[in-house]
Amino acid sequence: MLMVIFGAGASHDSAPARAVGASPPPLTAQLLRYNAIAAEYPASRAVIDYLQRGDHESLEAGLAQFAVLAENSLERMRQL
């Protein structure tokens, strides 16, 4: 059986044995430059702070949770 996995985490656990001291490839959350995003979009700071708290299992899950919170809030929707 052949299984192909696409996405930012697809290669994260791809190599069972790494060289001593080698780091795995970065995950999605590690690829984002939060300060650059916040500098260009100041309203996004609330979302970035929410994501960096780590109260969720992944970046995507955190964004989905914030979107649920934003459903009844124009301010949160603007931040998102």
Protein backbone atom coordinates (compact mmCIF):
# COMPACT_ATOMS: atom_id res chain seq x y z
CA MET A 1 0.00 0.00 0.00
CA LEU A 2 1.25 3.49 -0.87
CA MET A 3 0.23 6.47 1.24
CA VAL A 4 1.06 10.03 0.20
CA ILE A 5 0.62 12.86 2.72
CA PHE A 6 0.63 16.48 1.64
CA GLY A 7 0.92 19.50 3.90
CA ALA A 8 3.33 21.40 6.09
CA GLY A 9 3.66 18.50 8.52
CA ALA A 10 4.01 15.78 5.89
CA SER A 11 7.80 15.60 6.15
CA HIS A 12 8.01 16.36 9.87
CA ASP A 13 8.14 12.71 10.93
CA SER A 14 9.27 11.31 7.60
CA ALA A 15 12.73 10.16 8.66
CA PRO A 16 12.71 7.70 11.57
CA ALA A 17 16.42 8.16 12.25
CA ARG A 18 18.12 11.54 12.02
CA ALA A 19 21.69 12.54 12.56
CA VAL A 20 22.43 13.29 16.20
CA GLY A 21 21.43 16.86 16.95
CA ALA A 22 19.54 17.33 13.66
CA SER A 23 16.21 19.11 13.86
CA PRO A 24 13.10 17.95 12.02
CA PRO A 25 11.68 20.15 9.24
CA PRO A 26 9.53 23.04 10.58
CA LEU A 27 5.77 22.79 11.01
CA THR A 28 3.33 25.42 9.73
CA ALA A 29 3.35 27.50 12.91
CA GLN A 30 7.16 27.67 12.79
CA LEU A 31 7.12 29.05 9.23
CA LEU A 32 5.09 32.17 9.99
CA ARG A 33 6.80 35.46 10.70
CA TYR A 34 4.30 36.79 13.22
CA ASN A 35 6.03 40.13 13.83
CA ALA A 36 6.13 40.92 10.11
CA ILE A 37 2.44 40.05 9.78
CA ALA A 38 1.53 42.19 12.80
CA ALA A 39 3.58 45.11 11.46
CA GLU A 40 1.70 45.05 8.17
CA TYR A 41 -1.71 44.21 9.68
CA PRO A 42 -1.86 45.68 13.22
CA ALA A 43 -5.40 44.41 13.85
CA SER A 44 -4.08 40.85 13.56
CA ARG A 45 -2.12 41.16 16.83
CA ALA A 46 -5.06 39.75 18.85
CA VAL A 47 -5.19 36.67 16.60
CA ILE A 48 -1.41 36.24 16.75
CA ASP A 49 -1.43 36.48 20.55
CA TYR A 50 -4.24 33.89 20.65
CA LEU A 51 -2.28 31.52 18.39
CA GLN A 52 0.97 31.91 20.32
CA ARG A 53 -0.69 31.04 23.64
CA GLY A 54 -0.85 27.47 22.37
CA ASP A 55 -4.33 26.58 23.67
CA HIS A 56 -4.91 24.47 20.53
CA GLU A 57 -3.37 21.44 18.85
CA SER A 58 -2.27 23.15 15.61
CA LEU A 59 -2.20 26.49 13.82
CA GLU A 60 -5.18 25.46 11.74
CA ALA A 61 -7.15 24.40 14.82
CA GLY A 62 -6.33 27.71 16.53
CA LEU A 63 -7.51 29.70 13.52
CA ALA A 64 -10.72 27.64 13.39
CA GLN A 65 -11.32 28.24 17.11
CA PHE A 66 -10.75 31.97 16.71
CA ALA A 67 -13.14 32.01 13.74
CA VAL A 68 -15.85 30.48 15.95
CA LEU A 69 -15.22 33.21 18.54
CA ALA A 70 -15.42 35.82 15.77
CA GLU A 71 -18.84 34.71 14.50
CA ASN A 72 -20.69 37.13 16.80
CA SER A 73 -18.06 39.85 17.09
CA LEU A 74 -17.34 42.42 14.40
CA GLU A 75 -14.11 43.40 16.17
CA ARG A 76 -12.81 39.82 16.24
CA MET A 77 -13.84 39.31 12.62
CA ARG A 78 -11.83 42.42 11.71
CA GLN A 79 -8.85 41.06 13.62
CA LEU A 80 -9.12 37.74 11.81
